[in-house]
Protein backbone atom coordinates (compact mmCIF):
# COMPACT_ATOMS: atom_id res chain seq x y z
CA MET A 1 -0.18 0.08 1.59
CA LYS A 2 1.96 1.16 4.46
CA ARG A 3 1.66 0.19 7.84
CA PRO A 4 -0.70 -0.37 10.70
CA LEU A 5 -0.66 3.41 11.45
CA THR A 6 -1.65 4.31 7.94
CA LEU A 7 -4.72 6.60 7.90
CA ALA A 8 -6.64 7.88 4.89
CA LEU A 9 -8.58 11.09 4.81
CA SER A 10 -12.14 9.87 4.40
CA CYS A 11 -13.76 10.35 1.09
CA ALA A 12 -16.53 12.08 3.01
CA LEU A 13 -14.08 14.90 3.75
CA GLY A 14 -13.45 15.88 0.22
CA CYS A 15 -14.20 13.45 -2.59
CA THR A 16 -16.00 15.01 -5.49
CA ALA A 17 -17.27 13.68 -8.84
CA LEU A 18 -14.67 13.85 -11.57
CA ALA A 19 -17.12 15.01 -14.21
CA ALA A 20 -15.26 18.25 -14.77
CA LEU A 21 -11.88 16.56 -15.27
CA SER A 22 -12.49 14.26 -18.15
CA PRO A 23 -14.72 13.58 -21.10
CA ALA A 24 -17.87 11.52 -20.58
CA ALA A 25 -17.17 7.87 -20.11
CA ALA A 26 -17.04 5.48 -22.99
CA ALA A 27 -18.98 2.28 -22.81
CA GLU A 28 -17.30 -0.69 -21.24
CA ARG A 29 -15.56 -2.80 -23.87
CA PRO A 30 -17.54 -5.97 -24.66
CA GLU A 31 -14.45 -8.11 -24.27
CA VAL A 32 -14.10 -6.66 -20.72
CA THR A 33 -17.66 -7.50 -19.87
CA ALA A 34 -17.26 -11.02 -21.23
CA ALA A 35 -13.96 -11.69 -19.55
CA ALA A 36 -15.27 -10.44 -16.14
CA ALA A 37 -18.34 -12.70 -16.37
CA LYS A 38 -16.15 -15.68 -17.26
CA LEU A 39 -13.50 -15.04 -14.54
CA LYS A 40 -15.64 -13.72 -11.68
CA ALA A 41 -15.79 -17.02 -9.72
CA ASP A 42 -12.12 -17.79 -10.39
CA VAL A 43 -10.96 -14.42 -9.01
CA VAL A 44 -13.08 -14.94 -5.87
CA ARG A 45 -11.60 -18.46 -5.37
CA TRP A 46 -7.98 -17.25 -5.86
CA ARG A 47 -8.52 -14.36 -3.52
CA ARG A 48 -10.00 -16.59 -0.78
CA ASP A 49 -7.10 -19.03 -1.08
CA PHE A 50 -4.52 -16.23 -0.64
CA HIS A 51 -6.60 -14.80 2.21
CA GLN A 52 -6.50 -18.15 3.99
CA HIS A 53 -2.76 -18.52 3.50
CA PRO A 54 -1.24 -15.06 4.15
CA GLU A 55 2.51 -14.45 4.28
CA LEU A 56 4.45 -11.55 5.69
CA SER A 57 6.74 -9.28 3.70
CA ASN A 58 9.66 -11.05 2.11
CA ARG A 59 8.15 -14.41 3.12
CA GLU A 60 5.66 -14.84 0.29
CA GLN A 61 6.94 -18.25 -0.87
CA ARG A 62 3.59 -20.00 -1.23
CA THR A 63 1.86 -17.01 -2.78
CA ALA A 64 4.65 -16.52 -5.34
CA ALA A 65 4.65 -20.24 -6.16
CA LYS A 66 0.90 -20.26 -6.77
CA VAL A 67 1.14 -17.14 -9.01
CA ALA A 68 4.00 -18.57 -11.02
CA GLU A 69 2.25 -21.90 -11.45
CA HIS A 70 -0.86 -20.23 -12.82
CA LEU A 71 1.08 -18.03 -15.20
CA ARG A 72 2.94 -21.02 -16.56
CA ALA A 73 -0.38 -22.80 -17.06
CA LEU A 74 -1.40 -19.84 -19.26
CA GLY A 75 1.61 -20.46 -21.43
CA LEU A 76 3.64 -17.53 -20.04
CA LYS A 77 7.25 -17.69 -18.90
CA PRO A 78 7.34 -16.01 -15.52
CA ARG A 79 10.57 -14.79 -14.05
CA THR A 80 10.70 -15.68 -10.31
CA GLY A 81 12.89 -14.75 -7.39
CA ILE A 82 13.18 -11.05 -8.19
CA ALA A 83 13.42 -9.11 -4.95
CA ARG A 84 13.22 -12.49 -3.14
CA HIS A 85 9.68 -13.64 -4.09
CA GLY A 86 8.57 -11.37 -6.91
CA VAL A 87 7.06 -12.82 -10.06
CA VAL A 88 7.09 -11.10 -13.44
CA ALA A 89 5.70 -12.16 -16.77
CA ILE A 90 5.09 -10.51 -20.08
CA VAL A 91 2.04 -10.98 -22.26
CA GLU A 92 3.15 -10.58 -25.88
CA GLY A 93 0.39 -9.15 -28.08
CA GLY A 94 -0.08 -10.38 -31.58
CA LYS A 95 0.21 -6.82 -32.99
CA PRO A 96 2.72 -3.98 -32.57
CA GLY A 97 1.86 -1.50 -29.92
CA PRO A 98 2.85 0.10 -26.55
CA LYS A 99 4.61 -1.41 -23.61
CA ILE A 100 2.88 -1.06 -20.27
CA ALA A 101 3.09 -2.64 -16.83
CA LEU A 102 0.49 -3.67 -14.26
CA ARG A 103 1.34 -4.23 -10.58
CA ALA A 104 -0.19 -6.29 -7.69
CA ASP A 105 1.35 -6.65 -4.25
CA MET A 106 1.24 -10.01 -2.47
CA ASP A 107 2.28 -9.58 1.19
CA ALA A 108 0.13 -9.67 4.33
CA LEU A 109 0.41 -7.98 7.78
CA PRO A 110 1.23 -9.07 11.39
CA VAL A 111 -2.48 -8.75 12.34
CA THR A 112 -4.67 -11.42 13.99
CA GLU A 113 -7.91 -11.69 11.99
CA GLN A 114 -11.19 -10.90 13.82
CA VAL A 115 -13.55 -11.37 10.89
CA ASP A 116 -15.82 -14.45 10.93
CA LEU A 117 -15.26 -15.94 7.52
CA PRO A 118 -15.09 -19.56 6.46
CA PHE A 119 -11.72 -18.78 4.86
CA ALA A 120 -10.44 -16.55 7.68
CA SER A 121 -6.67 -16.68 8.33
CA LYS A 122 -5.48 -18.89 11.23
CA ALA A 123 -1.84 -18.31 10.22
CA THR A 124 0.93 -17.18 12.60
CA ALA A 125 4.51 -16.11 12.08
CA SER A 126 7.45 -14.46 13.92
CA PHE A 127 7.58 -10.67 13.69
CA ARG A 128 10.04 -8.47 15.65
CA GLY A 129 10.83 -11.45 17.90
CA GLU A 130 7.15 -12.22 18.70
CA THR A 131 4.66 -14.76 17.47
CA VAL A 132 1.82 -12.88 15.76
CA GLY A 133 -1.25 -13.61 13.76
CA VAL A 134 -0.94 -12.95 10.00
CA MET A 135 -3.80 -11.51 7.91
CA HIS A 136 -4.47 -9.89 4.56
CA ALA A 137 -5.76 -6.85 6.42
CA CYS A 138 -4.94 -4.55 3.62
CA GLY A 139 -6.38 -6.37 0.60
CA HIS A 140 -3.31 -7.52 -1.19
CA ASP A 141 -4.98 -10.87 -1.61
CA ALA A 142 -7.61 -9.12 -3.72
CA HIS A 143 -4.94 -7.34 -5.80
CA THR A 144 -3.19 -10.60 -6.55
CA GLY A 145 -6.43 -12.34 -7.48
CA ILE A 146 -7.46 -9.46 -9.74
CA LEU A 147 -4.15 -9.35 -11.62
CA LEU A 148 -4.30 -13.16 -12.18
CA GLY A 149 -7.75 -12.55 -13.71
CA VAL A 150 -6.32 -9.81 -15.94
CA ALA A 151 -3.58 -12.13 -16.99
CA ASP A 152 -6.15 -14.79 -17.99
CA ALA A 153 -8.14 -12.26 -20.00
CA LEU A 154 -5.10 -10.85 -21.80
CA VAL A 155 -3.68 -14.20 -22.77
CA ALA A 156 -7.05 -15.25 -24.14
CA MET A 157 -7.13 -12.26 -26.48
CA LYS A 158 -3.42 -11.88 -27.11
CA GLN A 159 -3.60 -12.50 -30.89
CA ASP A 160 -5.61 -9.31 -31.24
CA LEU A 161 -3.68 -7.42 -28.60
CA PRO A 162 -1.45 -4.52 -29.67
CA GLY A 163 1.71 -4.18 -27.65
CA GLN A 164 3.08 -5.94 -24.59
CA VAL A 165 1.95 -6.02 -20.93
CA MET A 166 4.27 -6.74 -18.05
CA LEU A 167 2.51 -8.27 -15.07
CA VAL A 168 4.35 -7.46 -11.80
CA PHE A 169 3.47 -9.51 -8.70
CA GLN A 170 5.41 -7.68 -5.99
CA PRO A 171 6.45 -8.77 -2.52
CA ALA A 172 7.00 -6.67 0.60
CA GLU A 173 4.92 -3.61 -0.19
CA GLU A 174 4.23 -3.24 3.51
CA GLY A 175 7.95 -2.86 4.07
CA PRO A 176 10.59 -5.64 4.58
CA PRO A 177 11.99 -6.57 7.98
CA ALA A 178 14.30 -3.87 9.40
CA ASP A 179 17.50 -5.73 8.39
CA GLU A 180 16.39 -6.68 4.87
CA ALA A 181 15.82 -4.91 1.53
CA GLY A 182 12.64 -5.58 -0.41
CA GLY A 183 9.57 -4.33 -2.24
CA ALA A 184 9.51 -2.01 -5.24
CA PRO A 185 12.98 -0.48 -4.64
CA LEU A 186 14.61 -3.90 -4.68
CA MET A 187 12.65 -4.99 -7.78
CA LEU A 188 13.96 -1.94 -9.66
CA GLU A 189 17.41 -2.47 -8.28
CA GLU A 190 17.42 -6.06 -9.56
CA GLY A 191 16.53 -4.94 -13.03
CA LEU A 192 12.75 -4.94 -13.36
CA PHE A 193 12.88 -2.32 -16.09
CA LYS A 194 16.31 -3.20 -17.51
CA ASP A 195 15.09 -5.05 -20.58
CA PHE A 196 11.44 -3.91 -20.56
CA LYS A 197 10.87 -0.22 -19.93
CA PRO A 198 7.10 0.48 -19.96
CA GLU A 199 5.78 3.76 -21.18
CA ALA A 200 3.05 3.65 -18.55
CA MET A 201 2.27 1.69 -15.39
CA PHE A 202 -0.97 1.07 -13.51
CA GLY A 203 -1.88 -0.18 -10.03
CA LEU A 204 -4.95 -0.38 -7.87
CA HIS A 205 -5.77 -0.74 -4.17
CA VAL A 206 -9.00 -1.85 -2.52
CA PHE A 207 -9.94 0.82 0.04
CA SER A 208 -12.33 0.85 3.01
CA THR A 209 -13.09 4.55 2.86
CA LEU A 210 -14.90 4.03 -0.41
CA GLN A 211 -18.22 2.25 -0.87
CA ALA A 212 -18.08 -0.93 -2.96
CA GLY A 213 -18.86 0.12 -6.54
CA GLN A 214 -16.87 3.37 -6.31
CA ILE A 215 -13.51 4.13 -7.76
CA GLY A 216 -11.31 6.96 -6.35
CA VAL A 217 -8.45 8.67 -8.16
CA ARG A 218 -6.56 11.91 -8.13
CA GLN A 219 -4.26 13.70 -10.50
CA GLY A 220 -0.79 14.64 -9.16
CA PRO A 221 0.11 13.78 -5.54
CA LEU A 222 -2.16 11.09 -4.22
CA MET A 223 -0.48 9.36 -1.24
CA ALA A 224 2.06 10.68 1.27
CA ALA A 225 5.70 9.96 1.57
CA SER A 226 6.28 7.68 4.50
CA ASP A 227 9.33 7.29 6.79
CA ARG A 228 9.94 5.08 9.77
CA PHE A 229 11.83 6.17 12.88
CA SER A 230 13.13 4.49 15.91
CA ILE A 231 14.16 6.16 19.22
CA LYS A 232 15.88 4.34 22.10
CA ILE A 233 15.91 6.17 25.45
CA LYS A 234 18.68 5.03 27.77
CA GLY A 235 18.11 5.36 31.49
CA ARG A 236 19.41 3.50 34.49
CA GLN A 237 17.59 0.46 35.97
CA THR A 238 16.33 0.67 39.54
CA HIS A 239 13.60 -0.88 41.74
CA GLY A 240 10.17 0.62 41.27
CA SER A 241 9.98 1.48 44.95
CA ARG A 242 13.15 3.65 44.60
CA PRO A 243 12.78 5.63 41.37
CA TRP A 244 15.37 8.21 42.72
CA GLY A 245 17.95 5.43 42.60
CA GLY A 246 17.97 5.34 38.80
CA ILE A 247 16.91 7.21 35.67
CA ASP A 248 13.42 6.36 34.45
CA PRO A 249 13.35 5.95 30.65
CA ILE A 250 9.61 5.27 30.74
CA VAL A 251 8.71 8.72 32.08
CA ALA A 252 11.25 10.22 29.62
CA ALA A 253 9.67 8.33 26.78
CA ALA A 254 6.20 9.58 27.74
CA ASP A 255 7.51 13.08 27.72
CA VAL A 256 9.12 12.64 24.31
CA ILE A 257 5.86 11.39 22.89
CA GLY A 258 3.81 14.27 24.22
CA SER A 259 6.39 16.83 23.06
CA ALA A 260 6.61 15.26 19.66
CA GLN A 261 2.97 16.06 19.08
CA THR A 262 3.80 19.76 18.89
CA ILE A 263 6.08 19.21 15.89
CA VAL A 264 3.12 19.04 13.51
CA SER A 265 0.60 21.10 15.57
CA ARG A 266 3.00 24.03 16.28
CA ARG A 267 5.99 23.85 13.98
CA SER A 268 4.74 22.63 10.59
CA ASP A 269 2.69 24.72 8.25
CA ILE A 270 -0.27 22.35 7.86
CA ALA A 271 -2.12 25.14 5.99
CA LYS A 272 0.20 24.31 3.16
CA LEU A 273 0.03 20.50 3.18
CA PRO A 274 -0.85 17.88 5.86
CA ALA A 275 1.76 15.99 7.87
CA VAL A 276 1.69 13.27 10.52
CA VAL A 277 4.01 12.04 13.26
CA SER A 278 2.73 8.87 14.96
CA PHE A 279 4.23 6.47 17.41
CA GLY A 280 3.25 2.84 16.67
CA ALA A 281 5.00 0.77 19.32
CA ILE A 282 6.71 1.25 22.69
CA LYS A 283 8.70 -1.51 24.31
CA GLY A 284 10.46 -1.33 27.63
CA GLY A 285 10.62 -3.26 30.87
CA ILE A 286 9.57 -6.75 31.84
CA ARG A 287 8.26 -6.61 35.38
CA TYR A 288 5.79 -4.38 37.31
CA ASN A 289 8.20 -3.30 39.99
CA ILE A 290 11.46 -2.79 37.98
CA ILE A 291 12.17 0.42 36.17
CA PRO A 292 14.15 -0.66 33.11
CA ASP A 293 17.40 0.51 31.59
CA GLU A 294 15.83 1.60 28.23
CA VAL A 295 12.70 2.03 26.24
CA GLU A 296 12.43 1.68 22.43
CA MET A 297 9.83 3.49 20.38
CA ILE A 298 9.12 3.21 16.72
CA GLY A 299 6.72 5.14 14.49
CA THR A 300 6.02 6.79 11.14
CA ILE A 301 6.19 10.25 9.59
CA ARG A 302 3.92 11.21 6.64
CA THR A 303 4.49 14.32 4.47
CA PHE A 304 3.78 15.68 1.01
CA ASP A 305 6.47 18.37 0.90
CA GLU A 306 10.23 17.61 0.95
CA GLY A 307 11.02 20.75 2.95
CA MET A 308 8.47 19.81 5.62
CA ARG A 309 9.75 16.22 5.58
CA GLN A 310 13.37 17.23 6.33
CA ALA A 311 12.28 19.76 8.98
CA ILE A 312 10.21 17.15 10.81
CA PHE A 313 13.23 14.76 10.84
CA LYS A 314 15.35 17.50 12.45
CA ASP A 315 12.58 18.53 14.96
CA LEU A 316 11.97 14.92 16.09
CA ARG A 317 15.67 14.27 16.63
CA ASN A 318 15.92 17.47 18.60
CA VAL A 319 12.90 16.62 20.76
CA ALA A 320 14.21 13.10 21.48
CA GLU A 321 17.65 14.35 22.49
CA HIS A 322 16.78 17.34 24.62
CA VAL A 323 13.64 16.00 26.35
CA SER A 324 15.53 12.88 27.27
CA ALA A 325 18.40 14.98 28.55
CA ALA A 326 16.04 17.00 30.75
CA HIS A 327 15.24 13.70 32.54
CA GLY A 328 18.91 12.75 32.89
CA ALA A 329 18.47 10.11 30.12
CA ARG A 330 20.12 9.71 26.79
CA ALA A 331 18.36 9.31 23.33
CA GLU A 332 19.69 7.30 20.41
CA SER A 333 17.45 8.25 17.51
CA LYS A 334 17.31 7.11 13.90
CA VAL A 335 15.07 9.61 12.19
CA PRO A 336 14.49 8.21 9.59
CA ASP A 337 15.75 4.67 10.21
CA GLN A 338 15.92 3.78 6.45
CA ASP A 339 14.96 5.25 3.05
CA GLY A 340 11.23 5.82 3.04
CA ASN A 341 8.60 5.85 0.26
CA PRO A 342 8.31 8.98 -1.87
CA VAL A 343 4.96 10.64 -2.52
CA THR A 344 2.78 8.52 -4.79
CA TYR A 345 2.25 10.78 -7.85
CA ASN A 346 -0.28 10.22 -10.55
CA ASP A 347 0.94 11.60 -13.88
CA PRO A 348 -1.70 14.26 -14.69
CA ALA A 349 -1.82 13.68 -18.42
CA LEU A 350 -2.03 9.88 -18.09
CA THR A 351 -4.69 10.12 -15.36
CA ALA A 352 -6.81 12.48 -17.48
CA ARG A 353 -6.50 10.14 -20.43
CA MET A 354 -7.60 7.10 -18.41
CA LEU A 355 -10.48 8.69 -16.48
CA PRO A 356 -12.99 7.69 -19.16
CA SER A 357 -11.81 4.05 -18.78
CA LEU A 358 -12.51 4.15 -15.08
CA LYS A 359 -15.86 5.65 -15.67
CA ALA A 360 -16.69 3.01 -18.24
CA ALA A 361 -16.00 0.31 -15.63
CA ALA A 362 -17.71 1.83 -12.68
CA GLY A 363 -20.15 4.39 -14.14
CA ALA A 364 -19.44 8.08 -14.41
CA ASP A 365 -21.23 8.91 -11.12
CA LYS A 366 -19.20 6.30 -9.25
CA VAL A 367 -15.74 7.75 -9.96
CA VAL A 368 -14.74 10.27 -7.32
CA GLU A 369 -11.73 12.53 -6.74
CA MET A 370 -9.80 11.45 -3.63
CA SER A 371 -8.62 13.84 -0.98
CA LEU A 372 -4.91 13.57 -0.22
CA VAL A 373 -4.36 10.25 1.41
CA MET A 374 -1.88 10.05 4.35
CA GLY A 375 -1.31 6.33 3.62
CA ALA A 376 1.74 5.49 1.55
CA GLU A 377 2.64 3.10 -1.22
CA ASP A 378 5.92 1.84 -2.59
CA PHE A 379 4.16 1.98 -6.02
CA SER A 380 5.61 5.48 -5.81
CA TYR A 381 9.03 4.14 -6.83
CA TYR A 382 7.63 2.96 -10.17
CA ALA A 383 5.94 6.31 -10.67
CA LYS A 384 9.36 8.02 -10.36
CA GLN A 385 10.61 5.91 -13.26
CA VAL A 386 7.70 5.97 -15.68
CA PRO A 387 4.32 7.87 -16.01
CA ALA A 388 1.92 6.02 -13.72
CA MET A 389 -1.60 5.96 -12.38
CA PHE A 390 -2.74 4.42 -9.17
CA PHE A 391 -6.42 4.19 -8.21
CA PHE A 392 -8.62 2.96 -5.40
CA VAL A 393 -11.52 0.49 -5.59
CA GLY A 394 -14.17 0.75 -2.83
CA SER A 395 -14.35 -2.23 -0.57
CA THR A 396 -17.02 -1.44 2.07
CA GLU A 397 -20.29 -3.20 1.63
CA ALA A 398 -23.61 -1.41 1.10
CA GLY A 399 -25.22 -0.41 4.33
CA VAL A 400 -21.97 0.20 6.10
CA ASP A 401 -20.69 3.81 6.40
CA PRO A 402 -17.15 3.91 4.84
CA ALA A 403 -16.24 6.71 7.29
CA THR A 404 -16.65 4.29 10.25
CA ALA A 405 -15.93 0.98 8.61
CA PRO A 406 -12.88 -0.97 9.86
CA SER A 407 -10.00 0.47 7.90
CA ASN A 408 -7.23 -1.16 5.85
CA HIS A 409 -4.79 -2.72 8.42
CA SER A 410 -7.60 -3.34 10.90
CA PRO A 411 -8.06 -6.95 12.27
CA GLN A 412 -11.76 -6.37 11.35
CA PHE A 413 -11.05 -5.21 7.80
CA LYS A 414 -13.65 -6.92 5.56
CA LEU A 415 -13.70 -6.87 1.80
CA ASP A 416 -16.96 -6.76 -0.14
CA GLU A 417 -16.06 -9.25 -2.84
CA SER A 418 -17.94 -7.25 -5.48
CA SER A 419 -14.81 -5.08 -5.43
CA LEU A 420 -12.96 -7.98 -7.09
CA ASP A 421 -15.22 -7.76 -10.13
CA LEU A 422 -14.96 -3.99 -10.36
CA GLY A 423 -11.20 -4.11 -9.91
CA LEU A 424 -10.82 -6.65 -12.69
CA ARG A 425 -13.04 -4.74 -15.10
CA ALA A 426 -11.39 -1.38 -14.34
CA MET A 427 -7.84 -2.66 -14.73
CA LEU A 428 -8.67 -4.56 -17.89
CA GLN A 429 -10.58 -1.58 -19.39
CA VAL A 430 -7.59 0.72 -18.57
CA THR A 431 -5.16 -1.72 -20.14
CA LEU A 432 -7.03 -2.26 -23.34
CA ASP A 433 -7.93 1.42 -23.82
CA TYR A 434 -4.30 2.36 -23.38
CA LEU A 435 -3.02 -0.32 -25.76
CA HIS A 436 -5.56 0.31 -28.45
CA GLY A 437 -5.09 4.08 -28.12
CA PRO A 438 -7.65 6.88 -28.02
CA PRO A 439 -10.52 6.74 -30.48
CA ALA A 440 -9.93 8.45 -33.82
CA GLY A 441 -10.79 12.12 -33.65
């Protein structure tokens, strides 16, 4: 789920029970209950191993190798190396039936872990030219462990399974390095659906703004479109004691940042849909008494409406250019700096059909309707190709308020491992209910 600046609207601001949107929950399938009990300890162990050995986007060599090794041990024939480190395998049911796909993401973040765990990450890597800590601060370790558990369960029952299930272990959901391609777009470009086009696809995400034991979902738009931008402000170097001898790009950058805040607050119709413009990093200068030649800023734009999206691009370019010029500086802006993620959209009919499955796994009173989430997901690319449903699994332990718990992408993000069990049961229940079809009548 995209990037350190990703923010979600707290469930406390608008989640409601989904009782009115679907029939009463069916009971959890006995094979789901049995599989979850059998695999619970394994899923925890796999997740802890991935957590202790995180890898950045497009660098998931060890994770991919572990995934492929386990899938081969199950008797599957995984395809590796798709979109650099993606792993894909198909579980062939013993009976005719639908084709569906399940996805888990594998990459971690350039975040130094601050959680005291016996399996805490000590890993470091190079990111944007700096040595950084690496942490599964968004929960992709949980997603990978859960989907491995689902794979085990499906293989064990494959003789009685109708249809086929594609297991997609995806790299680079957090976004590849700026000079590389990756993630869901590259998986699709390299033929993920060429020979196996699912009729439905499912994904999940552990989420700090929900209590452990809860599941959150929403029909239609769920998560925002996300776009990165970069702005370089070119000034002229001078000594800090003689600012009049140059052009100060730091002051110009500060003015650009302040003026950019009016794009959403004064120029965007946020009564229609929300939008966000956030700056995530500023880099300029090296010494306390030297005004540098240039300052570079990067950030993110989040929208739900394509018209608003394009208008914000134009407004931010305009602010960068003209505010910089007012300081005698010059702006070089890339807004956006690459293709961003579309809105993550849950097919309404598919979501309504699968709501009873989510209720069966969590309990009807534990399934809530999410508010629009300003975070973004490249699962959205799959959802543009096939009907899809993406749902959230609460990860904040009992006794901790989800509204104030460290969020996804925080160095203090802490997963209640009971969410692994619920995620496994929910994904398996959804899978089996879809493959076997709705009950007669």
